[in-house]
C-alpha atoms as a PDB file:
ATOM      1  CA  UNK A   1      -3.220  17.592 -14.288  1.00  0.00           C
ATOM      2  CA  UNK A   2      -5.927  18.040 -16.748  1.00  0.00           C
ATOM      3  CA  UNK A   3      -9.402  16.413 -16.081  1.00  0.00           C
ATOM      4  CA  UNK A   4      -9.786  12.933 -17.533  1.00  0.00           C
ATOM      5  CA  UNK A   5     -12.960  11.822 -19.184  1.00  0.00           C
ATOM      6  CA  UNK A   6     -14.350   8.444 -19.369  1.00  0.00           C
ATOM      7  CA  UNK A   7     -14.597   8.669 -23.039  1.00  0.00           C
ATOM      8  CA  UNK A   8     -10.766   9.207 -23.419  1.00  0.00           C
ATOM      9  CA  UNK A   9     -10.168   6.176 -21.185  1.00  0.00           C
ATOM     10  CA  UNK A  10     -12.348   3.871 -23.180  1.00  0.00           C
ATOM     11  CA  UNK A  11     -11.245   5.284 -26.494  1.00  0.00           C
ATOM     12  CA  UNK A  12      -7.606   4.505 -25.606  1.00  0.00           C
ATOM     13  CA  UNK A  13      -8.459   1.136 -24.363  1.00  0.00           C
ATOM     14  CA  UNK A  14     -10.372   0.395 -27.792  1.00  0.00           C
ATOM     15  CA  UNK A  15      -7.239   1.572 -29.675  1.00  0.00           C
ATOM     16  CA  UNK A  16      -5.002  -0.541 -27.434  1.00  0.00           C
ATOM     17  CA  UNK A  17      -7.144  -3.601 -28.254  1.00  0.00           C
ATOM     18  CA  UNK A  18      -6.882  -2.809 -31.982  1.00  0.00           C
ATOM     19  CA  UNK A  19      -3.160  -2.713 -31.691  1.00  0.00           C
ATOM     20  CA  UNK A  20      -3.199  -5.904 -29.798  1.00  0.00           C
ATOM     21  CA  UNK A  21      -5.137  -7.587 -32.624  1.00  0.00           C
ATOM     22  CA  UNK A  22      -2.952  -6.282 -35.529  1.00  0.00           C
ATOM     23  CA  UNK A  23      -1.351  -9.162 -37.431  1.00  0.00           C
ATOM     24  CA  UNK A  24       2.133  -9.256 -35.980  1.00  0.00           C
ATOM     25  CA  UNK A  25       4.373 -11.513 -37.898  1.00  0.00           C
ATOM     26  CA  UNK A  26       7.943 -12.833 -37.550  1.00  0.00           C
ATOM     27  CA  UNK A  27      10.027 -11.046 -34.960  1.00  0.00           C
ATOM     28  CA  UNK A  28       7.237  -8.538 -34.392  1.00  0.00           C
ATOM     29  CA  UNK A  29       5.274 -10.959 -32.266  1.00  0.00           C
ATOM     30  CA  UNK A  30       8.324 -11.474 -30.001  1.00  0.00           C
ATOM     31  CA  UNK A  31       8.685  -7.673 -29.474  1.00  0.00           C
ATOM     32  CA  UNK A  32       4.967  -6.737 -29.343  1.00  0.00           C
ATOM     33  CA  UNK A  33       4.142  -5.023 -26.066  1.00  0.00           C
ATOM     34  CA  UNK A  34       1.069  -5.792 -24.149  1.00  0.00           C
ATOM     35  CA  UNK A  35      -0.841  -2.654 -25.331  1.00  0.00           C
ATOM     36  CA  UNK A  36      -3.911  -3.225 -23.092  1.00  0.00           C
ATOM     37  CA  UNK A  37      -1.971  -3.689 -19.938  1.00  0.00           C
ATOM     38  CA  UNK A  38       0.169  -0.549 -20.480  1.00  0.00           C
ATOM     39  CA  UNK A  39      -2.937   1.579 -21.198  1.00  0.00           C
ATOM     40  CA  UNK A  40      -4.643   0.183 -18.184  1.00  0.00           C
ATOM     41  CA  UNK A  41      -1.589   0.840 -15.950  1.00  0.00           C
ATOM     42  CA  UNK A  42      -1.521   4.349 -17.252  1.00  0.00           C
ATOM     43  CA  UNK A  43      -5.231   5.054 -16.498  1.00  0.00           C
ATOM     44  CA  UNK A  44      -5.039   3.184 -13.154  1.00  0.00           C
ATOM     45  CA  UNK A  45      -2.283   5.431 -12.012  1.00  0.00           C
ATOM     46  CA  UNK A  46      -3.578   8.615 -13.635  1.00  0.00           C
ATOM     47  CA  UNK A  47      -7.376   8.348 -12.758  1.00  0.00           C
ATOM     48  CA  UNK A  48      -7.967   5.564 -10.256  1.00  0.00           C
ATOM     49  CA  UNK A  49     -11.564   6.816  -9.757  1.00  0.00           C
ATOM     50  CA  UNK A  50     -12.472   6.152 -13.453  1.00  0.00           C
ATOM     51  CA  UNK A  51     -10.431   3.005 -14.146  1.00  0.00           C
ATOM     52  CA  UNK A  52     -10.213   0.204 -11.532  1.00  0.00           C
ATOM     53  CA  UNK A  53      -9.272  -3.389 -10.955  1.00  0.00           C
ATOM     54  CA  UNK A  54     -12.548  -4.529 -12.604  1.00  0.00           C
ATOM     55  CA  UNK A  55     -11.649  -2.558 -15.736  1.00  0.00           C
ATOM     56  CA  UNK A  56      -8.424  -4.525 -15.811  1.00  0.00           C
ATOM     57  CA  UNK A  57     -10.260  -7.787 -15.388  1.00  0.00           C
ATOM     58  CA  UNK A  58     -12.749  -7.044 -18.297  1.00  0.00           C
ATOM     59  CA  UNK A  59      -9.911  -5.903 -20.479  1.00  0.00           C
ATOM     60  CA  UNK A  60      -8.055  -9.117 -19.693  1.00  0.00           C
ATOM     61  CA  UNK A  61     -11.118 -11.192 -20.678  1.00  0.00           C
ATOM     62  CA  UNK A  62     -11.362  -9.235 -23.896  1.00  0.00           C
ATOM     63  CA  UNK A  63      -7.710  -9.950 -24.676  1.00  0.00           C
ATOM     64  CA  UNK A  64      -8.227 -13.745 -23.901  1.00  0.00           C
ATOM     65  CA  UNK A  65     -11.306 -13.858 -26.130  1.00  0.00           C
ATOM     66  CA  UNK A  66      -9.704 -11.865 -28.904  1.00  0.00           C
ATOM     67  CA  UNK A  67      -6.364 -13.773 -28.988  1.00  0.00           C
ATOM     68  CA  UNK A  68      -7.829 -17.233 -28.346  1.00  0.00           C
ATOM     69  CA  UNK A  69      -5.650 -17.873 -25.398  1.00  0.00           C
ATOM     70  CA  UNK A  70      -6.702 -19.708 -22.265  1.00  0.00           C
ATOM     71  CA  UNK A  71      -9.810 -17.963 -20.997  1.00  0.00           C
ATOM     72  CA  UNK A  72      -8.918 -16.112 -17.776  1.00  0.00           C
ATOM     73  CA  UNK A  73      -5.127 -16.127 -17.960  1.00  0.00           C
ATOM     74  CA  UNK A  74      -4.799 -12.425 -19.006  1.00  0.00           C
ATOM     75  CA  UNK A  75      -7.754 -11.413 -16.906  1.00  0.00           C
ATOM     76  CA  UNK A  76      -6.014 -12.908 -13.865  1.00  0.00           C
ATOM     77  CA  UNK A  77      -2.524 -11.442 -14.664  1.00  0.00           C
ATOM     78  CA  UNK A  78      -4.091  -8.076 -15.514  1.00  0.00           C
ATOM     79  CA  UNK A  79      -6.095  -8.101 -12.162  1.00  0.00           C
ATOM     80  CA  UNK A  80      -3.098  -9.031  -9.993  1.00  0.00           C
ATOM     81  CA  UNK A  81      -0.949  -6.204 -11.718  1.00  0.00           C
ATOM     82  CA  UNK A  82      -3.773  -3.778 -11.401  1.00  0.00           C
ATOM     83  CA  UNK A  83      -4.028  -4.535  -7.735  1.00  0.00           C
ATOM     84  CA  UNK A  84      -0.312  -4.203  -7.291  1.00  0.00           C
ATOM     85  CA  UNK A  85      -0.400  -0.824  -9.136  1.00  0.00           C
ATOM     86  CA  UNK A  86      -3.155   0.524  -7.028  1.00  0.00           C
ATOM     87  CA  UNK A  87      -1.561  -0.449  -3.714  1.00  0.00           C
ATOM     88  CA  UNK A  88       1.137   2.310  -4.107  1.00  0.00           C
ATOM     89  CA  UNK A  89      -0.962   4.688  -6.190  1.00  0.00           C
ATOM     90  CA  UNK A  90      -1.249   7.363  -3.419  1.00  0.00           C
ATOM     91  CA  UNK A  91       2.499   7.441  -2.993  1.00  0.00           C
ATOM     92  CA  UNK A  92       3.256   8.092  -6.607  1.00  0.00           C
ATOM     93  CA  UNK A  93       3.081  11.910  -6.153  1.00  0.00           C
ATOM     94  CA  UNK A  94       6.395  11.609  -4.267  1.00  0.00           C
ATOM     95  CA  UNK A  95       8.026   9.696  -7.154  1.00  0.00           C
ATOM     96  CA  UNK A  96      10.191  11.345  -9.690  1.00  0.00           C
ATOM     97  CA  UNK A  97      10.184  10.240 -13.379  1.00  0.00           C
ATOM     98  CA  UNK A  98      12.839   7.563 -12.918  1.00  0.00           C
ATOM     99  CA  UNK A  99      11.225   6.026  -9.946  1.00  0.00           C
ATOM    100  CA  UNK A 100       7.795   5.941 -11.652  1.00  0.00           C
ATOM    101  CA  UNK A 101       9.444   4.267 -14.579  1.00  0.00           C
ATOM    102  CA  UNK A 102      10.998   1.606 -12.321  1.00  0.00           C
ATOM    103  CA  UNK A 103       7.696   1.122 -10.711  1.00  0.00           C
ATOM    104  CA  UNK A 104       6.100   0.464 -14.022  1.00  0.00           C
ATOM    105  CA  UNK A 105       8.827  -1.837 -15.079  1.00  0.00           C
ATOM    106  CA  UNK A 106       8.326  -3.902 -11.882  1.00  0.00           C
ATOM    107  CA  UNK A 107       4.598  -4.033 -12.637  1.00  0.00           C
ATOM    108  CA  UNK A 108       5.243  -5.413 -16.253  1.00  0.00           C
ATOM    109  CA  UNK A 109       7.648  -7.948 -14.810  1.00  0.00           C
ATOM    110  CA  UNK A 110       4.953  -9.156 -12.361  1.00  0.00           C
ATOM    111  CA  UNK A 111       2.390  -9.447 -15.111  1.00  0.00           C
ATOM    112  CA  UNK A 112       4.724 -11.354 -17.336  1.00  0.00           C
ATOM    113  CA  UNK A 113       5.843 -13.784 -14.604  1.00  0.00           C
ATOM    114  CA  UNK A 114       2.224 -14.497 -13.639  1.00  0.00           C
ATOM    115  CA  UNK A 115       1.330 -15.139 -17.278  1.00  0.00           C
ATOM    116  CA  UNK A 116       4.391 -17.295 -17.587  1.00  0.00           C
ATOM    117  CA  UNK A 117       3.356 -19.428 -14.538  1.00  0.00           C
ATOM    118  CA  UNK A 118      -0.169 -19.800 -15.933  1.00  0.00           C
ATOM    119  CA  UNK A 119       1.124 -20.936 -19.235  1.00  0.00           C
ATOM    120  CA  UNK A 120       3.578 -23.389 -17.605  1.00  0.00           C
ATOM    121  CA  UNK A 121       0.788 -24.844 -15.426  1.00  0.00           C
ATOM    122  CA  UNK A 122      -1.287 -25.278 -18.509  1.00  0.00           C
ATOM    123  CA  UNK A 123       1.250 -27.556 -19.980  1.00  0.00           C
ATOM    124  CA  UNK A 124       3.089 -25.184 -22.288  1.00  0.00           C
ATOM    125  CA  UNK A 125       6.845 -25.274 -22.876  1.00  0.00           C
ATOM    126  CA  UNK A 126       9.169 -22.723 -21.363  1.00  0.00           C
ATOM    127  CA  UNK A 127       9.391 -20.006 -24.039  1.00  0.00           C
ATOM    128  CA  UNK A 128      12.963 -18.898 -23.267  1.00  0.00           C
ATOM    129  CA  UNK A 129      14.380 -15.539 -22.634  1.00  0.00           C
ATOM    130  CA  UNK A 130      12.631 -13.837 -25.689  1.00  0.00           C
ATOM    131  CA  UNK A 131       9.506 -14.064 -23.644  1.00  0.00           C
ATOM    132  CA  UNK A 132      10.728 -10.993 -21.630  1.00  0.00           C
ATOM    133  CA  UNK A 133      11.113  -8.599 -24.616  1.00  0.00           C
ATOM    134  CA  UNK A 134       7.523  -7.191 -24.254  1.00  0.00           C
ATOM    135  CA  UNK A 135       8.538  -5.896 -20.850  1.00  0.00           C
ATOM    136  CA  UNK A 136      11.108  -3.575 -22.550  1.00  0.00           C
ATOM    137  CA  UNK A 137       8.817  -2.545 -25.365  1.00  0.00           C
ATOM    138  CA  UNK A 138       6.027  -2.150 -22.970  1.00  0.00           C
ATOM    139  CA  UNK A 139       8.203   0.282 -21.044  1.00  0.00           C
ATOM    140  CA  UNK A 140       8.895   2.204 -24.280  1.00  0.00           C
ATOM    141  CA  UNK A 141       5.235   2.298 -24.947  1.00  0.00           C
ATOM    142  CA  UNK A 142       4.653   3.720 -21.376  1.00  0.00           C
ATOM    143  CA  UNK A 143       7.172   6.426 -22.080  1.00  0.00           C
ATOM    144  CA  UNK A 144       5.296   7.312 -25.319  1.00  0.00           C
ATOM    145  CA  UNK A 145       1.961   7.429 -23.426  1.00  0.00           C
ATOM    146  CA  UNK A 146       3.428   9.813 -20.764  1.00  0.00           C
ATOM    147  CA  UNK A 147       4.726  12.097 -23.525  1.00  0.00           C
ATOM    148  CA  UNK A 148       1.296  12.120 -25.300  1.00  0.00           C
ATOM    149  CA  UNK A 149      -1.030  12.295 -22.387  1.00  0.00           C
ATOM    150  CA  UNK A 150       1.092  13.973 -19.816  1.00  0.00           C
ATOM    151  CA  UNK A 151       3.076  12.910 -16.883  1.00  0.00           C
ATOM    152  CA  UNK A 152       1.529  11.513 -13.675  1.00  0.00           C
ATOM    153  CA  UNK A 153       3.420  13.666 -11.179  1.00  0.00           C
ATOM    154  CA  UNK A 154       3.481  16.804 -13.430  1.00  0.00           C
ATOM    155  CA  UNK A 155       1.934  19.693 -11.366  1.00  0.00           C
ATOM    156  CA  UNK A 156      -0.849  21.597 -13.002  1.00  0.00           C
ATOM    157  CA  UNK A 157       0.106  24.990 -14.447  1.00  0.00           C
ATOM    158  CA  UNK A 158      -2.226  27.835 -15.085  1.00  0.00           C
END
């Protein structure tokens, strides 16, 4: 793997925040992936020494502030997901591409379910099955990031 710079992590997080803030209308809001979470998961698994659970917490707070949602709900769900991601991070070198994709899919489900529980506890109505579409589009975004920035288990070639 190539060395990862702190600038590239923060730059991609900034771009993800901008994508999160784009004015999504109509059906686009239903299918919009959680850009910040996918980018954080990628960097947590790729460079855990430069991106940590605290990065996920700060990014979650930024998403909460930027979107006007209940303060702390994204921060809490991002933090729990980041902790779950880092718990198996050392074993990822043994995963093939499909296993890694299934692992990220599970992490996206965890984040969505935690966020759903927090929204239900806050008194919101049950959003229905369309609430799960960002998991699928987030997985597609994950595959795009792997194509652009390189795989996590790809050996370094010289």
